[in-house]
């Protein structure tokens, strides 16, 4: 999978994120389907903070307080493509919150 940068991000109702990537692909997903509100992401349970999503200079999304997500993971989610490292699946977006696979 080629690295694609996020060029547009919008927070929609019900914690849905719309993302458009540098190659023109776009799509939506529900944040809650993939990420638990634990640890650093606990703050994003707050709807007004969640709605402040933006695209940073590194081509990924972020929220105030240095909360960000890998553009590779976001692209995998939007396109429903697995992330494979050294021949092993490490991220399978079809599994939702269980997407990170242990090798």
PDB file of N, CA and C in Angstrom:
ATOM      1  N   UNK A   1       0.855  -1.177   0.000  1.00  0.00           N
ATOM      2  CA  UNK A   1       0.000   0.000   0.000  1.00  0.00           C
ATOM      3  C   UNK A   1       0.897   1.235   0.000  1.00  0.00           C
ATOM      4  N   UNK A   2       0.675   2.135  -0.950  1.00  0.00           N
ATOM      5  CA  UNK A   2       1.423   3.387  -0.998  1.00  0.00           C
ATOM      6  C   UNK A   2       0.920   4.337   0.077  1.00  0.00           C
ATOM      7  N   UNK A   3       1.833   5.116   0.629  1.00  0.00           N
ATOM      8  CA  UNK A   3       1.448   6.083   1.653  1.00  0.00           C
ATOM      9  C   UNK A   3       0.633   7.198   1.030  1.00  0.00           C
ATOM     10  N   UNK A   4      -0.555   7.396   1.552  1.00  0.00           N
ATOM     11  CA  UNK A   4      -1.440   8.466   1.102  1.00  0.00           C
ATOM     12  C   UNK A   4      -1.666   9.417   2.266  1.00  0.00           C
ATOM     13  N   UNK A   5      -1.612  10.701   1.972  1.00  0.00           N
ATOM     14  CA  UNK A   5      -1.854  11.700   3.004  1.00  0.00           C
ATOM     15  C   UNK A   5      -3.327  12.085   3.021  1.00  0.00           C
ATOM     16  N   UNK A   6      -3.806  12.445   4.194  1.00  0.00           N
ATOM     17  CA  UNK A   6      -5.149  12.990   4.326  1.00  0.00           C
ATOM     18  C   UNK A   6      -5.087  14.440   3.867  1.00  0.00           C
ATOM     19  N   UNK A   7      -6.015  14.839   2.995  1.00  0.00           N
ATOM     20  CA  UNK A   7      -6.054  16.225   2.530  1.00  0.00           C
ATOM     21  C   UNK A   7      -7.322  16.946   2.994  1.00  0.00           C
ATOM     22  N   UNK A   8      -8.307  16.182   3.459  1.00  0.00           N
ATOM     23  CA  UNK A   8      -9.533  16.794   3.968  1.00  0.00           C
ATOM     24  C   UNK A   8     -10.121  15.881   5.032  1.00  0.00           C
ATOM     25  N   UNK A   9     -10.613  16.481   6.101  1.00  0.00           N
ATOM     26  CA  UNK A   9     -11.241  15.722   7.183  1.00  0.00           C
ATOM     27  C   UNK A   9     -12.418  16.519   7.724  1.00  0.00           C
ATOM     28  N   UNK A  10     -13.529  15.840   7.882  1.00  0.00           N
ATOM     29  CA  UNK A  10     -14.724  16.461   8.450  1.00  0.00           C
ATOM     30  C   UNK A  10     -15.319  15.531   9.493  1.00  0.00           C
ATOM     31  N   UNK A  11     -15.708  16.106  10.624  1.00  0.00           N
ATOM     32  CA  UNK A  11     -16.443  15.347  11.635  1.00  0.00           C
ATOM     33  C   UNK A  11     -17.925  15.510  11.338  1.00  0.00           C
ATOM     34  N   UNK A  12     -18.618  14.408  11.234  1.00  0.00           N
ATOM     35  CA  UNK A  12     -20.053  14.388  10.955  1.00  0.00           C
ATOM     36  C   UNK A  12     -20.777  13.888  12.202  1.00  0.00           C
ATOM     37  N   UNK A  13     -22.101  13.995  12.228  1.00  0.00           N
ATOM     38  CA  UNK A  13     -22.836  13.509  13.404  1.00  0.00           C
ATOM     39  C   UNK A  13     -22.540  12.035  13.700  1.00  0.00           C
ATOM     40  N   UNK A  14     -22.745  11.653  14.938  1.00  0.00           N
ATOM     41  CA  UNK A  14     -22.576  10.273  15.398  1.00  0.00           C
ATOM     42  C   UNK A  14     -21.141   9.779  15.322  1.00  0.00           C
ATOM     43  N   UNK A  15     -20.164  10.704  15.467  1.00  0.00           N
ATOM     44  CA  UNK A  15     -18.735  10.376  15.475  1.00  0.00           C
ATOM     45  C   UNK A  15     -18.272   9.732  14.158  1.00  0.00           C
ATOM     46  N   UNK A  16     -18.897  10.156  13.068  1.00  0.00           N
ATOM     47  CA  UNK A  16     -18.491   9.714  11.734  1.00  0.00           C
ATOM     48  C   UNK A  16     -17.421  10.682  11.232  1.00  0.00           C
ATOM     49  N   UNK A  17     -16.362  10.138  10.653  1.00  0.00           N
ATOM     50  CA  UNK A  17     -15.323  10.948  10.035  1.00  0.00           C
ATOM     51  C   UNK A  17     -15.366  10.750   8.525  1.00  0.00           C
ATOM     52  N   UNK A  18     -15.357  11.861   7.802  1.00  0.00           N
ATOM     53  CA  UNK A  18     -15.197  11.826   6.346  1.00  0.00           C
ATOM     54  C   UNK A  18     -13.745  12.204   6.081  1.00  0.00           C
ATOM     55  N   UNK A  19     -13.062  11.392   5.274  1.00  0.00           N
ATOM     56  CA  UNK A  19     -11.668  11.669   4.928  1.00  0.00           C
ATOM     57  C   UNK A  19     -11.482  11.587   3.420  1.00  0.00           C
ATOM     58  N   UNK A  20     -10.667  12.503   2.890  1.00  0.00           N
ATOM     59  CA  UNK A  20     -10.254  12.442   1.488  1.00  0.00           C
ATOM     60  C   UNK A  20      -8.732  12.404   1.491  1.00  0.00           C
ATOM     61  N   UNK A  21      -8.185  11.554   0.619  1.00  0.00           N
ATOM     62  CA  UNK A  21      -6.742  11.328   0.580  1.00  0.00           C
ATOM     63  C   UNK A  21      -6.118  11.948  -0.664  1.00  0.00           C
ATOM     64  N   UNK A  22      -4.797  12.025  -0.643  1.00  0.00           N
ATOM     65  CA  UNK A  22      -4.042  12.678  -1.714  1.00  0.00           C
ATOM     66  C   UNK A  22      -4.221  12.004  -3.076  1.00  0.00           C
ATOM     67  N   UNK A  23      -4.617  10.749  -3.109  1.00  0.00           N
ATOM     68  CA  UNK A  23      -4.855  10.076  -4.387  1.00  0.00           C
ATOM     69  C   UNK A  23      -6.307  10.198  -4.855  1.00  0.00           C
ATOM     70  N   UNK A  24      -7.120  10.982  -4.130  1.00  0.00           N
ATOM     71  CA  UNK A  24      -8.505  11.215  -4.510  1.00  0.00           C
ATOM     72  C   UNK A  24      -9.508  10.272  -3.871  1.00  0.00           C
ATOM     73  N   UNK A  25      -9.050   9.182  -3.274  1.00  0.00           N
ATOM     74  CA  UNK A  25      -9.977   8.259  -2.608  1.00  0.00           C
ATOM     75  C   UNK A  25     -10.534   8.940  -1.373  1.00  0.00           C
ATOM     76  N   UNK A  26     -11.792   8.633  -1.103  1.00  0.00           N
ATOM     77  CA  UNK A  26     -12.417   9.200   0.083  1.00  0.00           C
ATOM     78  C   UNK A  26     -13.413   8.209   0.653  1.00  0.00           C
ATOM     79  N   UNK A  27     -13.854   8.504   1.843  1.00  0.00           N
ATOM     80  CA  UNK A  27     -14.833   7.644   2.486  1.00  0.00           C
ATOM     81  C   UNK A  27     -15.101   8.083   3.903  1.00  0.00           C
ATOM     82  N   UNK A  28     -16.026   7.358   4.530  1.00  0.00           N
ATOM     83  CA  UNK A  28     -16.438   7.671   5.889  1.00  0.00           C
ATOM     84  C   UNK A  28     -16.341   6.420   6.751  1.00  0.00           C
ATOM     85  N   UNK A  29     -16.139   6.643   8.034  1.00  0.00           N
ATOM     86  CA  UNK A  29     -16.196   5.548   9.000  1.00  0.00           C
ATOM     87  C   UNK A  29     -16.551   6.107  10.363  1.00  0.00           C
ATOM     88  N   UNK A  30     -17.097   5.253  11.183  1.00  0.00           N
ATOM     89  CA  UNK A  30     -17.446   5.637  12.548  1.00  0.00           C
ATOM     90  C   UNK A  30     -16.227   5.409  13.441  1.00  0.00           C
ATOM     91  N   UNK A  31     -15.744   6.469  14.041  1.00  0.00           N
ATOM     92  CA  UNK A  31     -14.575   6.403  14.927  1.00  0.00           C
ATOM     93  C   UNK A  31     -14.769   5.325  15.995  1.00  0.00           C
ATOM     94  N   UNK A  32     -15.956   5.266  16.572  1.00  0.00           N
ATOM     95  CA  UNK A  32     -16.236   4.335  17.665  1.00  0.00           C
ATOM     96  C   UNK A  32     -16.159   2.873  17.236  1.00  0.00           C
ATOM     97  N   UNK A  33     -16.268   2.597  15.959  1.00  0.00           N
ATOM     98  CA  UNK A  33     -16.166   1.218  15.469  1.00  0.00           C
ATOM     99  C   UNK A  33     -14.733   0.700  15.504  1.00  0.00           C
ATOM    100  N   UNK A  34     -13.766   1.600  15.580  1.00  0.00           N
ATOM    101  CA  UNK A  34     -12.360   1.205  15.504  1.00  0.00           C
ATOM    102  C   UNK A  34     -11.522   1.563  16.724  1.00  0.00           C
ATOM    103  N   UNK A  35     -11.916   2.611  17.432  1.00  0.00           N
ATOM    104  CA  UNK A  35     -11.076   3.107  18.518  1.00  0.00           C
ATOM    105  C   UNK A  35     -11.885   3.242  19.808  1.00  0.00           C
ATOM    106  N   UNK A  36     -11.423   2.585  20.883  1.00  0.00           N
ATOM    107  CA  UNK A  36     -12.107   2.743  22.170  1.00  0.00           C
ATOM    108  C   UNK A  36     -11.734   4.090  22.796  1.00  0.00           C
ATOM    109  N   UNK A  37     -12.605   4.605  23.605  1.00  0.00           N
ATOM    110  CA  UNK A  37     -12.324   5.861  24.314  1.00  0.00           C
ATOM    111  C   UNK A  37     -11.513   5.547  25.561  1.00  0.00           C
ATOM    112  N   UNK A  38     -10.285   5.103  25.328  1.00  0.00           N
ATOM    113  CA  UNK A  38      -9.381   4.760  26.417  1.00  0.00           C
ATOM    114  C   UNK A  38      -8.080   5.520  26.234  1.00  0.00           C
ATOM    115  N   UNK A  39      -7.321   5.630  27.301  1.00  0.00           N
ATOM    116  CA  UNK A  39      -6.029   6.290  27.224  1.00  0.00           C
ATOM    117  C   UNK A  39      -6.153   7.686  26.648  1.00  0.00           C
ATOM    118  N   UNK A  40      -5.290   7.980  25.697  1.00  0.00           N
ATOM    119  CA  UNK A  40      -5.258   9.308  25.096  1.00  0.00           C
ATOM    120  C   UNK A  40      -6.568   9.657  24.359  1.00  0.00           C
ATOM    121  N   UNK A  41      -7.261   8.643  23.862  1.00  0.00           N
ATOM    122  CA  UNK A  41      -8.499   8.893  23.112  1.00  0.00           C
ATOM    123  C   UNK A  41      -9.722   9.098  24.005  1.00  0.00           C
ATOM    124  N   UNK A  42      -9.560   8.957  25.310  1.00  0.00           N
ATOM    125  CA  UNK A  42     -10.669   9.169  26.244  1.00  0.00           C
ATOM    126  C   UNK A  42     -11.262  10.575  26.070  1.00  0.00           C
ATOM    127  N   UNK A  43     -10.400  11.541  25.786  1.00  0.00           N
ATOM    128  CA  UNK A  43     -10.844  12.929  25.616  1.00  0.00           C
ATOM    129  C   UNK A  43     -11.802  13.091  24.435  1.00  0.00           C
ATOM    130  N   UNK A  44     -11.679  12.214  23.436  1.00  0.00           N
ATOM    131  CA  UNK A  44     -12.499  12.360  22.227  1.00  0.00           C
ATOM    132  C   UNK A  44     -13.947  11.936  22.423  1.00  0.00           C
ATOM    133  N   UNK A  45     -14.266  11.433  23.603  1.00  0.00           N
ATOM    134  CA  UNK A  45     -15.670  11.140  23.912  1.00  0.00           C
ATOM    135  C   UNK A  45     -16.471  12.450  23.940  1.00  0.00           C
ATOM    136  N   UNK A  46     -15.768  13.543  24.238  1.00  0.00           N
ATOM    137  CA  UNK A  46     -16.372  14.876  24.238  1.00  0.00           C
ATOM    138  C   UNK A  46     -16.661  15.277  22.789  1.00  0.00           C
ATOM    139  N   UNK A  47     -17.923  15.428  22.469  1.00  0.00           N
ATOM    140  CA  UNK A  47     -18.354  15.699  21.082  1.00  0.00           C
ATOM    141  C   UNK A  47     -17.769  17.004  20.536  1.00  0.00           C
ATOM    142  N   UNK A  48     -17.713  18.039  21.350  1.00  0.00           N
ATOM    143  CA  UNK A  48     -17.204  19.316  20.838  1.00  0.00           C
ATOM    144  C   UNK A  48     -15.713  19.220  20.507  1.00  0.00           C
ATOM    145  N   UNK A  49     -14.945  18.453  21.295  1.00  0.00           N
ATOM    146  CA  UNK A  49     -13.539  18.240  20.976  1.00  0.00           C
ATOM    147  C   UNK A  49     -13.406  17.369  19.729  1.00  0.00           C
ATOM    148  N   UNK A  50     -14.192  16.310  19.649  1.00  0.00           N
ATOM    149  CA  UNK A  50     -14.146  15.423  18.487  1.00  0.00           C
ATOM    150  C   UNK A  50     -14.393  16.203  17.192  1.00  0.00           C
ATOM    151  N   UNK A  51     -15.317  17.139  17.236  1.00  0.00           N
ATOM    152  CA  UNK A  51     -15.669  17.914  16.043  1.00  0.00           C
ATOM    153  C   UNK A  51     -14.576  18.877  15.595  1.00  0.00           C
ATOM    154  N   UNK A  52     -13.524  19.036  16.399  1.00  0.00           N
ATOM    155  CA  UNK A  52     -12.420  19.933  16.053  1.00  0.00           C
ATOM    156  C   UNK A  52     -11.316  19.228  15.271  1.00  0.00           C
ATOM    157  N   UNK A  53     -11.635  18.114  14.643  1.00  0.00           N
ATOM    158  CA  UNK A  53     -10.650  17.382  13.852  1.00  0.00           C
ATOM    159  C   UNK A  53     -10.130  18.270  12.717  1.00  0.00           C
ATOM    160  N   UNK A  54      -8.848  18.151  12.432  1.00  0.00           N
ATOM    161  CA  UNK A  54      -8.255  18.915  11.333  1.00  0.00           C
ATOM    162  C   UNK A  54      -7.141  18.077  10.705  1.00  0.00           C
ATOM    163  N   UNK A  55      -6.649  18.550   9.573  1.00  0.00           N
ATOM    164  CA  UNK A  55      -5.526  17.896   8.902  1.00  0.00           C
ATOM    165  C   UNK A  55      -4.258  18.664   9.266  1.00  0.00           C
ATOM    166  N   UNK A  56      -3.224  17.945   9.694  1.00  0.00           N
ATOM    167  CA  UNK A  56      -1.988  18.622  10.077  1.00  0.00           C
ATOM    168  C   UNK A  56      -0.965  18.621   8.938  1.00  0.00           C
ATOM    169  N   UNK A  57       0.194  19.198   9.205  1.00  0.00           N
ATOM    170  CA  UNK A  57       1.233  19.337   8.181  1.00  0.00           C
ATOM    171  C   UNK A  57       1.859  18.001   7.789  1.00  0.00           C
ATOM    172  N   UNK A  58       1.581  16.943   8.542  1.00  0.00           N
ATOM    173  CA  UNK A  58       2.134  15.623   8.242  1.00  0.00           C
ATOM    174  C   UNK A  58       1.178  14.754   7.426  1.00  0.00           C
ATOM    175  N   UNK A  59       0.043  15.331   7.035  1.00  0.00           N
ATOM    176  CA  UNK A  59      -0.900  14.598   6.190  1.00  0.00           C
ATOM    177  C   UNK A  59      -1.753  13.587   6.920  1.00  0.00           C
ATOM    178  N   UNK A  60      -2.037  13.886   8.173  1.00  0.00           N
ATOM    179  CA  UNK A  60      -2.942  13.030   8.930  1.00  0.00           C
ATOM    180  C   UNK A  60      -3.897  13.906   9.732  1.00  0.00           C
ATOM    181  N   UNK A  61      -4.820  13.270  10.417  1.00  0.00           N
ATOM    182  CA  UNK A  61      -5.779  14.047  11.193  1.00  0.00           C
ATOM    183  C   UNK A  61      -5.290  14.208  12.617  1.00  0.00           C
ATOM    184  N   UNK A  62      -5.755  15.292  13.230  1.00  0.00           N
ATOM    185  CA  UNK A  62      -5.405  15.532  14.631  1.00  0.00           C
ATOM    186  C   UNK A  62      -6.517  16.321  15.298  1.00  0.00           C
ATOM    187  N   UNK A  63      -6.475  16.289  16.612  1.00  0.00           N
ATOM    188  CA  UNK A  63      -7.366  17.069  17.452  1.00  0.00           C
ATOM    189  C   UNK A  63      -6.508  17.884  18.408  1.00  0.00           C
ATOM    190  N   UNK A  64      -7.063  18.938  18.994  1.00  0.00           N
ATOM    191  CA  UNK A  64      -6.303  19.701  19.983  1.00  0.00           C
ATOM    192  C   UNK A  64      -5.768  18.783  21.080  1.00  0.00           C
ATOM    193  N   UNK A  65      -4.573  19.075  21.549  1.00  0.00           N
ATOM    194  CA  UNK A  65      -3.957  18.268  22.584  1.00  0.00           C
ATOM    195  C   UNK A  65      -3.029  17.199  22.018  1.00  0.00           C
ATOM    196  N   UNK A  66      -2.618  17.378  20.751  1.00  0.00           N
ATOM    197  CA  UNK A  66      -1.693  16.438  20.097  1.00  0.00           C
ATOM    198  C   UNK A  66      -2.238  15.030  19.965  1.00  0.00           C
ATOM    199  N   UNK A  67      -3.529  14.907  19.737  1.00  0.00           N
ATOM    200  CA  UNK A  67      -4.140  13.609  19.467  1.00  0.00           C
ATOM    201  C   UNK A  67      -4.149  13.415  17.958  1.00  0.00           C
ATOM    202  N   UNK A  68      -3.514  12.354  17.484  1.00  0.00           N
ATOM    203  CA  UNK A  68      -3.512  12.123  16.044  1.00  0.00           C
ATOM    204  C   UNK A  68      -3.560  10.634  15.742  1.00  0.00           C
ATOM    205  N   UNK A  69      -3.763  10.321  14.485  1.00  0.00           N
ATOM    206  CA  UNK A  69      -3.838   8.938  14.029  1.00  0.00           C
ATOM    207  C   UNK A  69      -2.973   8.765  12.794  1.00  0.00           C
ATOM    208  N   UNK A  70      -2.437   7.595  12.636  1.00  0.00           N
ATOM    209  CA  UNK A  70      -1.593   7.274  11.496  1.00  0.00           C
ATOM    210  C   UNK A  70      -2.385   7.345  10.190  1.00  0.00           C
ATOM    211  N   UNK A  71      -1.855   8.035   9.173  1.00  0.00           N
ATOM    212  CA  UNK A  71      -2.570   8.080   7.900  1.00  0.00           C
ATOM    213  C   UNK A  71      -2.669   6.697   7.248  1.00  0.00           C
ATOM    214  N   UNK A  72      -1.699   5.816   7.515  1.00  0.00           N
ATOM    215  CA  UNK A  72      -1.754   4.459   6.961  1.00  0.00           C
ATOM    216  C   UNK A  72      -2.960   3.702   7.492  1.00  0.00           C
ATOM    217  N   UNK A  73      -3.214   3.836   8.792  1.00  0.00           N
ATOM    218  CA  UNK A  73      -4.352   3.162   9.407  1.00  0.00           C
ATOM    219  C   UNK A  73      -5.658   3.761   8.886  1.00  0.00           C
ATOM    220  N   UNK A  74      -5.714   5.074   8.793  1.00  0.00           N
ATOM    221  CA  UNK A  74      -6.924   5.729   8.296  1.00  0.00           C
ATOM    222  C   UNK A  74      -7.230   5.294   6.859  1.00  0.00           C
ATOM    223  N   UNK A  75      -6.203   5.218   6.034  1.00  0.00           N
ATOM    224  CA  UNK A  75      -6.392   4.799   4.635  1.00  0.00           C
ATOM    225  C   UNK A  75      -6.861   3.344   4.580  1.00  0.00           C
ATOM    226  N   UNK A  76      -6.284   2.500   5.426  1.00  0.00           N
ATOM    227  CA  UNK A  76      -6.700   1.099   5.475  1.00  0.00           C
ATOM    228  C   UNK A  76      -8.169   0.980   5.868  1.00  0.00           C
ATOM    229  N   UNK A  77      -8.594   1.789   6.830  1.00  0.00           N
ATOM    230  CA  UNK A  77      -9.993   1.749   7.274  1.00  0.00           C
ATOM    231  C   UNK A  77     -10.914   2.200   6.151  1.00  0.00           C
ATOM    232  N   UNK A  78     -10.613   3.333   5.559  1.00  0.00           N
ATOM    233  CA  UNK A  78     -11.489   3.890   4.518  1.00  0.00           C
ATOM    234  C   UNK A  78     -11.568   2.965   3.304  1.00  0.00           C
ATOM    235  N   UNK A  79     -10.449   2.367   2.929  1.00  0.00           N
ATOM    236  CA  UNK A  79     -10.428   1.505   1.739  1.00  0.00           C
ATOM    237  C   UNK A  79     -10.655   0.034   2.068  1.00  0.00           C
ATOM    238  N   UNK A  80     -10.751  -0.284   3.372  1.00  0.00           N
ATOM    239  CA  UNK A  80     -10.925  -1.663   3.838  1.00  0.00           C
ATOM    240  C   UNK A  80      -9.813  -2.585   3.334  1.00  0.00           C
ATOM    241  N   UNK A  81      -8.585  -2.069   3.357  1.00  0.00           N
ATOM    242  CA  UNK A  81      -7.409  -2.851   2.967  1.00  0.00           C
ATOM    243  C   UNK A  81      -6.619  -3.241   4.214  1.00  0.00           C
ATOM    244  N   UNK A  82      -6.113  -4.432   4.214  1.00  0.00           N
ATOM    245  CA  UNK A  82      -5.286  -4.898   5.330  1.00  0.00           C
ATOM    246  C   UNK A  82      -3.901  -4.270   5.238  1.00  0.00           C
ATOM    247  N   UNK A  83      -3.274  -4.072   6.384  1.00  0.00           N
ATOM    248  CA  UNK A  83      -1.878  -3.640   6.427  1.00  0.00           C
ATOM    249  C   UNK A  83      -1.047  -4.893   6.673  1.00  0.00           C
ATOM    250  N   UNK A  84      -0.112  -5.130   5.758  1.00  0.00           N
ATOM    251  CA  UNK A  84       0.734  -6.319   5.830  1.00  0.00           C
ATOM    252  C   UNK A  84       2.190  -5.877   5.976  1.00  0.00           C
ATOM    253  N   UNK A  85       2.863  -6.408   6.987  1.00  0.00           N
ATOM    254  CA  UNK A  85       4.268  -6.105   7.231  1.00  0.00           C
ATOM    255  C   UNK A  85       5.036  -7.421   7.245  1.00  0.00           C
ATOM    256  N   UNK A  86       6.041  -7.505   6.383  1.00  0.00           N
ATOM    257  CA  UNK A  86       6.870  -8.714   6.280  1.00  0.00           C
ATOM    258  C   UNK A  86       6.020  -9.961   6.107  1.00  0.00           C
ATOM    259  N   UNK A  87       5.015  -9.855   5.253  1.00  0.00           N
ATOM    260  CA  UNK A  87       4.184 -11.010   4.930  1.00  0.00           C
ATOM    261  C   UNK A  87       3.123 -11.357   5.957  1.00  0.00           C
ATOM    262  N   UNK A  88       3.017 -10.575   7.040  1.00  0.00           N
ATOM    263  CA  UNK A  88       2.022 -10.856   8.073  1.00  0.00           C
ATOM    264  C   UNK A  88       1.011  -9.716   8.158  1.00  0.00           C
ATOM    265  N   UNK A  89      -0.243 -10.086   8.300  1.00  0.00           N
ATOM    266  CA  UNK A  89      -1.299  -9.083   8.478  1.00  0.00           C
ATOM    267  C   UNK A  89      -1.174  -8.524   9.893  1.00  0.00           C
ATOM    268  N   UNK A  90      -0.990  -7.193   9.986  1.00  0.00           N
ATOM    269  CA  UNK A  90      -0.891  -6.555  11.303  1.00  0.00           C
ATOM    270  C   UNK A  90      -2.119  -5.709  11.622  1.00  0.00           C
ATOM    271  N   UNK A  91      -2.889  -5.377  10.575  1.00  0.00           N
ATOM    272  CA  UNK A  91      -4.103  -4.585  10.776  1.00  0.00           C
ATOM    273  C   UNK A  91      -5.130  -5.031   9.754  1.00  0.00           C
ATOM    274  N   UNK A  92      -6.300  -5.446  10.243  1.00  0.00           N
ATOM    275  CA  UNK A  92      -7.390  -5.889   9.372  1.00  0.00           C
ATOM    276  C   UNK A  92      -8.634  -5.076   9.707  1.00  0.00           C
ATOM    277  N   UNK A  93      -8.943  -4.059   8.903  1.00  0.00           N
ATOM    278  CA  UNK A  93     -10.054  -3.164   9.229  1.00  0.00           C
ATOM    279  C   UNK A  93     -11.422  -3.840   9.245  1.00  0.00           C
ATOM    280  N   UNK A  94     -11.541  -5.008   8.672  1.00  0.00           N
ATOM    281  CA  UNK A  94     -12.834  -5.698   8.700  1.00  0.00           C
ATOM    282  C   UNK A  94     -13.172  -6.192  10.104  1.00  0.00           C
ATOM    283  N   UNK A  95     -12.205  -6.130  11.020  1.00  0.00           N
ATOM    284  CA  UNK A  95     -12.411  -6.623  12.387  1.00  0.00           C
ATOM    285  C   UNK A  95     -12.763  -5.519  13.385  1.00  0.00           C
ATOM    286  N   UNK A  96     -12.930  -4.278  12.918  1.00  0.00           N
ATOM    287  CA  UNK A  96     -13.299  -3.181  13.816  1.00  0.00           C
ATOM    288  C   UNK A  96     -12.282  -2.969  14.914  1.00  0.00           C
ATOM    289  N   UNK A  97     -12.733  -2.886  16.157  1.00  0.00           N
ATOM    290  CA  UNK A  97     -11.832  -2.609  17.290  1.00  0.00           C
ATOM    291  C   UNK A  97     -10.782  -3.707  17.480  1.00  0.00           C
ATOM    292  N   UNK A  98     -11.002  -4.871  16.922  1.00  0.00           N
ATOM    293  CA  UNK A  98     -10.039  -5.964  17.034  1.00  0.00           C
ATOM    294  C   UNK A  98      -9.079  -5.983  15.828  1.00  0.00           C
ATOM    295  N   UNK A  99      -9.020  -4.876  15.080  1.00  0.00           N
ATOM    296  CA  UNK A  99      -8.263  -4.823  13.825  1.00  0.00           C
ATOM    297  C   UNK A  99      -6.772  -5.034  14.005  1.00  0.00           C
ATOM    298  N   UNK A 100      -6.202  -4.640  15.144  1.00  0.00           N
ATOM    299  CA  UNK A 100      -4.773  -4.836  15.364  1.00  0.00           C
ATOM    300  C   UNK A 100      -4.533  -6.284  15.718  1.00  0.00           C
ATOM    301  N   UNK A 101      -3.824  -6.967  14.859  1.00  0.00           N
ATOM    302  CA  UNK A 101      -3.576  -8.390  15.057  1.00  0.00           C
ATOM    303  C   UNK A 101      -2.207  -8.594  15.682  1.00  0.00           C
ATOM    304  N   UNK A 102      -2.134  -9.492  16.597  1.00  0.00           N
ATOM    305  CA  UNK A 102      -0.858  -9.812  17.218  1.00  0.00           C
ATOM    306  C   UNK A 102      -0.148 -10.832  16.354  1.00  0.00           C
ATOM    307  N   UNK A 103       1.136 -10.604  16.108  1.00  0.00           N
ATOM    308  CA  UNK A 103       1.881 -11.544  15.268  1.00  0.00           C
ATOM    309  C   UNK A 103       2.414 -12.709  16.055  1.00  0.00           C
TER     310      UNK A 103
END
